[in-house]
Each structure stands twice: as structure tokens, then as C-alpha cells.
């Protein structure tokens, strides 16, 4: 290239043809070395299997990689296995040693001296043809590469669609599981809150039940105390009435005895004395004076009187003692009886 830029064309020779062929082979090898293999078939198969590529597609991809398809796995981020490249034979007719010695270490054309004999026109036409052939081969290689890439893209379209569908399904499953986890957490939270509310309501109900039972026990204790107090007062009143009745009976008995003695004495005095009519007149005067005096106080409405049995018990002895005399009570006896009853009630 530098020689052409300088305007000097090399002389056609077998060594120059071998050098051009070597450069073409080197360019092809450099183009193929762009996709240098880094693993064998088993490693590539394991990586594609981990990516989720089906088995039949894995076999086709490995076969395409072995056929020299450039970078068939660039979409998956994998490297191709080492393809077995057939050895290309040099089309140079010169011996191998000479062609190797004539080629420069860097793969460039050997420098041609500027000074020398003029180059014949045949050399110029040969270089032009070689250049055109090189451009055509490069175009064919590029077209084949583009076509291979298009074929590989079409071939891998199904795998990419399946991988995308699988990723989408995994994402949907993951979202569904997250949604289920959130719903489960929400249900558990609601159940816990409901349980707390139920426990609080149960505790409150038990406290109210205990308060009602305690209040009922207090009421029952008060009722029992009132019943006991009532029974105690009733017993006291009963004992008091019994004591009063005993006292009344004792007083009545003593009054009966006193009245009987007084009646007996008066009867004896009346029979022994003279002037019966004068005594009767005096008695009438005393009675008039007594009955004419106003009665002070009030008569109790609770006085129930005496039964015939009480009267017989009280005045039976007197009637027996005064069987021969009058059977009615005297005024003094009636007044004494009334005074005694009034005093006992007060």
C-alpha cells in the first residue's frame, strides 16, 4: 500500500505473487479469528442448557458454529467452540522456503527500491487485477458474513422468543408469588387484629361477669343481713310480748288478790256496820264525784279487750269467794282495773 501511494509499482515475480497470496490468507485468518473459540462443545452445551435453550436448538447452534458461522451466540452472550478449519494450500508455484523467506515478518510487502529499471505495463495490469480480486473476495466474504448472520438471526429467533416467553412466565410467576405473599401477610395481619379484638372483648366480658357476680354476692349478703336483723327483732318482740304477758298475768293475779281482799273487807264492814242506806248514799256520792271528773289522755285504739276465758281466769276466784254476795264488780275494782291497764300500756 505504501509503494502504491508513492507511485511505484512492484515488478511481477513469483515471490510477489506468493506474498499477495499469503496476505490474503492472513486477512481471512484474521477475519475468522475475530470469533476466537474459548471452549469445547460440552462447555457450550452446558452454558446453553443453563440459559434455557432447548436440546435440538443447542445441537443446531453447535453444528452452525462448527461450520464457521461467525459469532452465532452473540445474542446469548456465549463463545463458540473451536471450529476445525481446513488447511489452506498456497497457490504459489515457488518453493515453500523461498516464499517464507520472501514474506516479511509483519505480513507486509517487501520494500522495492525507488531507483531501477522502469516497470513494464504487464506488472501494472497484474497488480490491478490482484487488487480487484482482493476487493471482490472481501465483498464476497462480507456478503457471506451478513447472510450467515441473517440466517443465524432467523434461526435463533425461535429460541429468543421461547427464552423471552420463559422469562416473561418466570416474571409473572414471581409477581404472582409476591402478590400471594402480600395477600397472605395481609390476611395474617387481619386475623391477628381480629384475635386481639376478640381477646379484649372476652376479657371485658369476663370482668363485667365478675363485677356482676360480686355485686350479686354483696346484695345477697345485705339481704341475708336484713333477714337476720328482721328475725332478731321479731324474736326480741316475741320475747318482749311474752315478758309483758307474764308481767300482766302477775299483776292481774296480784290485783285480783287485792280486789278480793278489799271486797271481802268491805263486805265484812258492810255487814258489821249499821246504817246501810247511809253507806250506800255515800257510795253514790263518791261515784258521782268520780264519774263527773274529766278523763285526761286518749284511749288507745289498739286495745282489743279481753276474751271470756281471760275474764273467767281473772275473776273466777273472786266469784268463788263472793258467791253469796253480788256477782258484779264494784266501781273501785273497775277503776283499779282501768288504771292498771293504762299504766301497763304506757
Protein backbone atom coordinates (compact mmCIF):
# COMPACT_ATOMS: atom_id res chain seq x y z
CA UNK A 1 0.00 0.00 0.00
CA UNK A 2 2.84 2.40 0.82
CA UNK A 3 4.51 1.55 -2.50
CA UNK A 4 1.34 2.31 -4.43
CA UNK A 5 0.95 5.60 -2.61
CA UNK A 6 4.49 6.52 -3.64
CA UNK A 7 3.66 5.88 -7.29
CA UNK A 8 5.93 2.90 -7.74
CA UNK A 9 4.55 -0.47 -8.84
CA UNK A 10 6.39 -3.66 -7.92
CA UNK A 11 7.85 -5.93 -10.55
CA UNK A 12 5.76 -9.06 -11.12
CA UNK A 13 7.63 -12.02 -9.81
CA UNK A 14 6.77 -15.37 -8.23
CA UNK A 15 7.79 -14.07 -4.84
CA UNK A 16 5.37 -11.13 -5.09
CA UNK A 17 2.51 -13.47 -6.04
CA UNK A 18 3.29 -15.67 -3.07
CA UNK A 19 3.37 -12.63 -0.84
CA UNK A 20 -0.06 -11.49 -2.07
CA UNK A 21 -1.49 -14.96 -1.53
CA UNK A 22 -0.02 -15.01 1.97
CA UNK A 23 -1.55 -11.64 2.73
CA UNK A 24 -4.97 -12.84 1.52
CA UNK A 25 -4.78 -15.98 3.67
CA UNK A 26 -3.66 -13.88 6.64
CA UNK A 27 -6.60 -11.50 6.17
CA UNK A 28 -9.01 -14.44 6.05
CA UNK A 29 -7.49 -15.94 9.14
CA UNK A 30 -7.74 -12.57 10.92
CA UNK A 31 -11.40 -12.28 9.89
CA UNK A 32 -12.12 -15.74 11.27
CA UNK A 33 -10.04 -15.09 14.39
CA UNK A 34 -12.46 -12.33 15.34
CA UNK A 35 -14.61 -15.05 16.87
CA UNK A 36 -11.87 -17.00 18.59
CA UNK A 37 -13.13 -20.13 20.37
CA UNK A 38 -12.72 -20.38 24.12
CA UNK A 39 -14.46 -23.62 24.98
CA UNK A 40 -15.36 -27.05 23.63
CA UNK A 41 -18.76 -28.46 22.64
CA UNK A 42 -19.60 -29.78 26.09
CA UNK A 43 -18.95 -26.44 27.79
CA UNK A 44 -21.02 -24.62 25.17
CA UNK A 45 -23.83 -27.15 25.57
CA UNK A 46 -23.78 -26.72 29.35
CA UNK A 47 -23.92 -22.92 29.06
CA UNK A 48 -26.81 -23.01 26.58
CA UNK A 49 -28.61 -25.52 28.80
CA UNK A 50 -28.19 -23.15 31.75
CA UNK A 51 -29.64 -20.36 29.57
CA UNK A 52 -32.74 -22.48 28.89
CA UNK A 53 -32.05 -23.29 25.19
CA UNK A 54 -33.82 -26.49 24.02
CA UNK A 55 -31.74 -29.52 23.10
CA UNK A 56 -32.50 -29.53 19.35
CA UNK A 57 -31.58 -25.85 19.10
CA UNK A 58 -28.38 -26.48 21.04
CA UNK A 59 -27.38 -29.17 18.50
CA UNK A 60 -28.11 -26.87 15.57
CA UNK A 61 -26.17 -23.97 17.11
CA UNK A 62 -23.13 -26.19 17.75
CA UNK A 63 -23.31 -27.51 14.19
CA UNK A 64 -23.55 -23.96 12.80
CA UNK A 65 -20.58 -22.91 14.91
CA UNK A 66 -18.53 -25.83 13.59
CA UNK A 67 -19.37 -24.82 10.01
CA UNK A 68 -17.74 -21.44 10.61
CA UNK A 69 -20.76 -19.22 11.09
CA UNK A 70 -19.32 -16.07 12.70
CA UNK A 71 -20.42 -15.43 16.29
CA UNK A 72 -23.71 -17.43 16.30
CA UNK A 73 -24.17 -16.93 20.06
CA UNK A 74 -23.61 -13.21 20.41
CA UNK A 75 -27.28 -12.76 21.40
CA UNK A 76 -26.86 -15.25 24.27
CA UNK A 77 -23.53 -13.86 25.48
CA UNK A 78 -21.65 -17.17 24.85
CA UNK A 79 -18.50 -18.11 22.97
CA UNK A 80 -18.27 -20.60 20.15
CA UNK A 81 -16.36 -23.89 20.28
CA UNK A 82 -13.10 -24.33 18.36
CA UNK A 83 -14.10 -24.99 14.73
CA UNK A 84 -11.85 -27.23 12.73
CA UNK A 85 -10.61 -25.01 9.89
CA UNK A 86 -9.25 -26.85 6.83
CA UNK A 87 -5.68 -26.04 5.98
CA UNK A 88 -5.48 -23.71 3.00
CA UNK A 89 -2.80 -24.55 0.46
CA UNK A 90 -0.75 -21.78 -1.01
CA UNK A 91 -1.29 -21.16 -4.69
CA UNK A 92 2.28 -20.01 -5.11
CA UNK A 93 4.46 -22.11 -7.50
CA UNK A 94 7.66 -21.16 -5.78
CA UNK A 95 9.18 -23.39 -3.12
CA UNK A 96 7.87 -23.02 0.37
CA UNK A 97 11.19 -21.93 1.82
CA UNK A 98 11.58 -19.16 -0.70
CA UNK A 99 8.07 -17.85 -0.24
CA UNK A 100 8.51 -17.80 3.52
CA UNK A 101 11.82 -16.04 3.24
CA UNK A 102 10.44 -13.54 0.82
CA UNK A 103 7.49 -12.64 3.09
CA UNK A 104 8.18 -10.06 5.76
CA UNK A 105 7.55 -10.94 9.42
CA UNK A 106 4.78 -8.40 9.67
CA UNK A 107 2.91 -9.73 6.60
CA UNK A 108 3.55 -6.57 4.57
CA UNK A 109 5.02 -6.34 1.09
CA UNK A 110 8.79 -6.04 0.80
CA UNK A 111 10.15 -2.63 0.10
CA UNK A 112 11.10 -2.02 -3.53
CA UNK A 113 13.95 0.30 -4.34
CA UNK A 114 12.91 3.51 -5.97
CA UNK A 115 15.74 3.55 -8.39
CA UNK A 116 15.85 0.90 -11.09
CA UNK A 117 14.58 -0.03 -14.49
CA UNK A 118 11.10 1.09 -15.48
CA UNK A 119 8.29 -1.30 -14.76
CA UNK A 120 6.64 -2.81 -17.77
CA UNK A 121 2.87 -2.35 -18.26
CA UNK A 122 2.15 -6.03 -17.58
CA UNK A 123 3.10 -5.58 -13.92
CA UNK A 124 0.62 -2.73 -13.55
CA UNK A 125 -2.22 -4.74 -15.02
CA UNK A 126 -1.40 -7.73 -12.80
CA UNK A 127 -1.45 -5.57 -9.67
CA UNK A 128 -4.75 -4.02 -10.72
CA UNK A 129 -6.29 -7.42 -11.31
CA UNK A 130 -4.98 -8.66 -7.98
CA UNK A 131 -6.40 -5.60 -6.24
CA UNK A 132 -9.79 -6.06 -7.89
CA UNK A 133 -9.81 -9.73 -6.99
CA UNK A 134 -8.94 -8.87 -3.41
CA UNK A 135 -11.77 -6.32 -3.21
CA UNK A 136 -14.20 -8.80 -4.76
CA UNK A 137 -13.18 -11.52 -2.32
CA UNK A 138 -13.58 -9.13 0.59
CA UNK A 139 -17.04 -8.17 -0.69
CA UNK A 140 -17.99 -11.83 -1.04
CA UNK A 141 -16.72 -12.59 2.45
CA UNK A 142 -18.68 -9.65 3.84
CA UNK A 143 -21.82 -10.63 1.97
CA UNK A 144 -21.49 -14.22 3.13
CA UNK A 145 -20.94 -12.99 6.66
CA UNK A 146 -24.03 -10.76 6.52
CA UNK A 147 -26.07 -13.56 5.01
CA UNK A 148 -24.85 -16.00 7.64
CA UNK A 149 -25.70 -13.54 10.39
CA UNK A 150 -29.18 -13.06 8.93
CA UNK A 151 -29.65 -16.82 8.70
CA UNK A 152 -28.42 -17.25 12.26
CA UNK A 153 -30.70 -14.47 13.49
CA UNK A 154 -33.65 -16.12 11.81
CA UNK A 155 -32.57 -19.48 13.18
CA UNK A 156 -32.24 -18.12 16.71
CA UNK A 157 -35.48 -16.12 16.55
CA UNK A 158 -37.47 -19.08 17.82
CA UNK A 159 -35.05 -19.64 20.68
CA UNK A 160 -35.11 -15.98 21.61
CA UNK A 161 -38.92 -15.97 21.54
CA UNK A 162 -39.02 -19.09 23.71
CA UNK A 163 -36.46 -17.57 26.08
CA UNK A 164 -38.42 -14.32 26.24
CA UNK A 165 -41.65 -16.23 26.86
CA UNK A 166 -39.94 -18.27 29.55
CA UNK A 167 -38.55 -15.13 31.18
CA UNK A 168 -41.96 -13.50 30.97
CA UNK A 169 -43.57 -16.58 32.54
CA UNK A 170 -40.96 -16.59 35.30
CA UNK A 171 -41.55 -12.90 35.95
CA UNK A 172 -45.32 -13.46 36.04
CA UNK A 173 -44.87 -16.41 38.42
CA UNK A 174 -42.58 -14.35 40.63
CA UNK A 175 -45.09 -11.47 40.64
CA UNK A 176 -47.89 -13.90 41.43
CA UNK A 177 -45.91 -15.40 44.32
CA UNK A 178 -45.12 -11.92 45.65
CA UNK A 179 -48.81 -10.98 45.40
CA UNK A 180 -49.78 -14.20 47.19
CA UNK A 181 -47.20 -13.46 49.90
CA UNK A 182 -48.57 -9.94 50.34
CA UNK A 183 -52.14 -11.24 50.49
CA UNK A 184 -51.12 -13.91 53.00
CA UNK A 185 -49.38 -11.30 55.15
CA UNK A 186 -52.47 -9.07 54.96
CA UNK A 187 -54.71 -12.00 55.94
CA UNK A 188 -52.44 -12.89 58.84
CA UNK A 189 -52.41 -9.25 59.99
CA UNK A 190 -56.21 -9.08 59.86
CA UNK A 191 -56.53 -12.40 61.68
CA UNK A 192 -54.13 -11.17 64.37
CA UNK A 193 -56.08 -7.92 64.79
CA UNK A 194 -59.36 -9.88 64.95
CA UNK A 195 -57.84 -12.22 67.55
CA UNK A 196 -56.65 -9.25 69.63
CA UNK A 197 -60.12 -7.67 69.47
CA UNK A 198 -61.77 -10.95 70.44
CA UNK A 199 -59.38 -11.38 73.36
CA UNK A 200 -60.06 -7.84 74.56
CA UNK A 201 -63.83 -8.37 74.23
CA UNK A 202 -63.58 -11.69 76.10
CA UNK A 203 -61.50 -10.07 78.85
CA UNK A 204 -64.00 -7.22 79.17
CA UNK A 205 -66.90 -9.67 79.26
CA UNK A 206 -65.20 -11.70 82.00
CA UNK A 207 -64.54 -8.55 84.03
CA UNK A 208 -68.19 -7.50 83.69
CA UNK A 209 -69.28 -11.01 84.68
CA UNK A 210 -67.04 -10.89 87.75
CA UNK A 211 -68.41 -7.45 88.68
CA UNK A 212 -72.00 -8.69 88.32
CA UNK A 213 -71.25 -11.75 90.43
CA UNK A 214 -69.56 -9.61 93.08
CA UNK A 215 -72.49 -7.18 93.12
CA UNK A 216 -74.91 -10.11 93.39
CA UNK A 217 -72.92 -11.50 96.32
CA UNK A 218 -72.98 -8.11 98.05
CA UNK A 219 -76.74 -7.81 97.50
CA UNK A 220 -77.27 -11.33 98.82
CA UNK A 221 -75.15 -10.51 101.88
CA UNK A 222 -77.22 -7.39 102.51
CA UNK A 223 -80.46 -9.33 102.09
CA UNK A 224 -79.21 -12.01 104.47
CA UNK A 225 -78.20 -9.36 107.00
CA UNK A 226 -81.64 -7.74 106.72
CA UNK A 227 -83.34 -11.11 107.15
CA UNK A 228 -81.23 -11.89 110.19
CA UNK A 229 -81.92 -8.44 111.66
CA UNK A 230 -85.61 -8.84 110.98
CA UNK A 231 -85.66 -12.27 112.59
CA UNK A 232 -83.70 -10.89 115.54
CA UNK A 233 -86.13 -8.01 116.01
CA UNK A 234 -89.06 -10.38 115.63
CA UNK A 235 -87.59 -12.68 118.27
CA UNK A 236 -86.96 -9.73 120.56
CA UNK A 237 -90.54 -8.52 120.12
CA UNK A 238 -91.79 -12.01 120.77
CA UNK A 239 -89.74 -12.28 123.92
CA UNK A 240 -90.88 -8.81 124.97
CA UNK A 241 -94.51 -9.69 124.42
CA UNK A 242 -94.06 -12.90 126.37
CA UNK A 243 -92.42 -10.97 129.18
CA UNK A 244 -95.18 -8.37 129.13
CA UNK A 245 -97.83 -11.07 129.18
CA UNK A 246 -96.11 -12.71 132.13
CA UNK A 247 -95.92 -9.37 133.90
CA UNK A 248 -99.59 -8.64 133.10
CA UNK A 249 -100.65 -12.01 134.40
CA UNK A 250 -98.63 -11.49 137.57
CA UNK A 251 -100.10 -8.01 138.02
CA UNK A 252 -103.61 -9.24 137.32
CA UNK A 253 -103.16 -12.03 139.79
CA UNK A 254 -101.94 -9.61 142.44
CA UNK A 255 -104.75 -7.18 141.58
CA UNK A 256 -107.27 -9.96 141.77
CA UNK A 257 -105.98 -10.91 145.16
CA UNK A 258 -106.03 -7.30 146.33
CA UNK A 259 -109.51 -6.75 144.92
CA UNK A 260 -110.76 -9.94 146.51
CA UNK A 261 -109.31 -8.94 149.87
CA UNK A 262 -110.76 -5.43 149.55
CA UNK A 263 -114.18 -6.75 148.58
CA UNK A 264 -114.12 -9.22 151.42
CA UNK A 265 -113.16 -6.49 153.84
CA UNK A 266 -115.84 -4.14 152.59
CA UNK A 267 -118.41 -6.87 152.73
CA UNK A 268 -117.47 -7.63 156.27
CA UNK A 269 -117.54 -3.97 157.14
CA UNK A 270 -120.88 -3.50 155.43
CA UNK A 271 -122.49 -6.39 157.26
CA UNK A 272 -120.98 -5.41 160.56
CA UNK A 273 -121.86 -1.75 160.46
CA UNK A 274 -125.19 -0.13 160.97
CA UNK A 275 -126.73 2.39 158.60
CA UNK A 276 -126.78 0.60 155.32
CA UNK A 277 -128.58 3.34 153.48
CA UNK A 278 -126.17 5.98 154.69
CA UNK A 279 -123.24 3.95 153.35
CA UNK A 280 -124.99 3.47 150.04
CA UNK A 281 -125.69 7.17 149.81
CA UNK A 282 -122.06 7.97 150.49
CA UNK A 283 -121.05 5.49 147.86
CA UNK A 284 -123.35 7.07 145.36
CA UNK A 285 -121.91 10.49 146.14
CA UNK A 286 -118.38 9.19 145.64
CA UNK A 287 -119.39 7.59 142.37
CA UNK A 288 -120.98 10.79 141.13
CA UNK A 289 -117.89 12.76 142.00
CA UNK A 290 -115.65 10.21 140.27
CA UNK A 291 -117.66 9.94 137.12
CA UNK A 292 -118.05 13.68 136.88
CA UNK A 293 -114.29 14.21 136.66
CA UNK A 294 -112.98 14.58 133.05
CA UNK A 295 -110.84 11.76 131.74
CA UNK A 296 -107.43 13.04 130.75
CA UNK A 297 -105.44 11.50 127.91
CA UNK A 298 -106.55 9.41 124.96
CA UNK A 299 -107.87 5.93 124.73
CA UNK A 300 -105.66 3.66 122.60
CA UNK A 301 -107.29 2.21 119.52
CA UNK A 302 -105.10 -0.87 119.81
CA UNK A 303 -106.93 -2.11 122.88
CA UNK A 304 -108.60 -5.31 121.87
CA UNK A 305 -110.35 -6.11 125.10
CA UNK A 306 -110.43 -9.42 126.92
CA UNK A 307 -111.97 -12.69 125.93
CA UNK A 308 -114.37 -14.64 128.09
CA UNK A 309 -111.61 -17.03 129.03
CA UNK A 310 -109.45 -14.12 130.27
CA UNK A 311 -112.33 -12.75 132.30
CA UNK A 312 -113.10 -16.16 133.78
CA UNK A 313 -109.47 -16.67 134.66
CA UNK A 314 -109.17 -13.27 136.26
CA UNK A 315 -112.44 -13.09 138.15
CA UNK A 316 -113.12 -16.75 138.77
CA UNK A 317 -111.51 -16.66 142.21
CA UNK A 318 -113.43 -13.53 143.13
CA UNK A 319 -116.73 -15.03 142.09
CA UNK A 320 -115.92 -18.15 144.05
CA UNK A 321 -115.05 -16.06 147.12
CA UNK A 322 -118.13 -13.85 146.79
CA UNK A 323 -120.60 -16.49 145.78
CA UNK A 324 -123.10 -15.32 148.40
CA UNK A 325 -122.74 -11.61 147.52
CA UNK A 326 -123.35 -9.64 144.35
CA UNK A 327 -121.73 -11.06 141.26
CA UNK A 328 -120.90 -7.73 139.64
CA UNK A 329 -117.66 -5.76 140.04
CA UNK A 330 -117.61 -2.78 142.21
CA UNK A 331 -116.65 0.66 140.97
CA UNK A 332 -113.32 0.58 142.75
CA UNK A 333 -112.45 -2.71 141.08
CA UNK A 334 -113.36 -1.35 137.65
CA UNK A 335 -111.33 1.84 138.23
CA UNK A 336 -108.38 -0.14 139.53
CA UNK A 337 -108.54 -2.43 136.52
CA UNK A 338 -108.66 0.53 134.13
CA UNK A 339 -105.75 2.24 135.85
CA UNK A 340 -103.70 -0.93 135.74
CA UNK A 341 -104.32 -1.43 132.03
CA UNK A 342 -103.47 2.19 131.25
CA UNK A 343 -100.25 2.05 133.29
CA UNK A 344 -99.12 -1.19 131.58
CA UNK A 345 -99.71 0.30 128.10
CA UNK A 346 -97.81 3.50 128.88
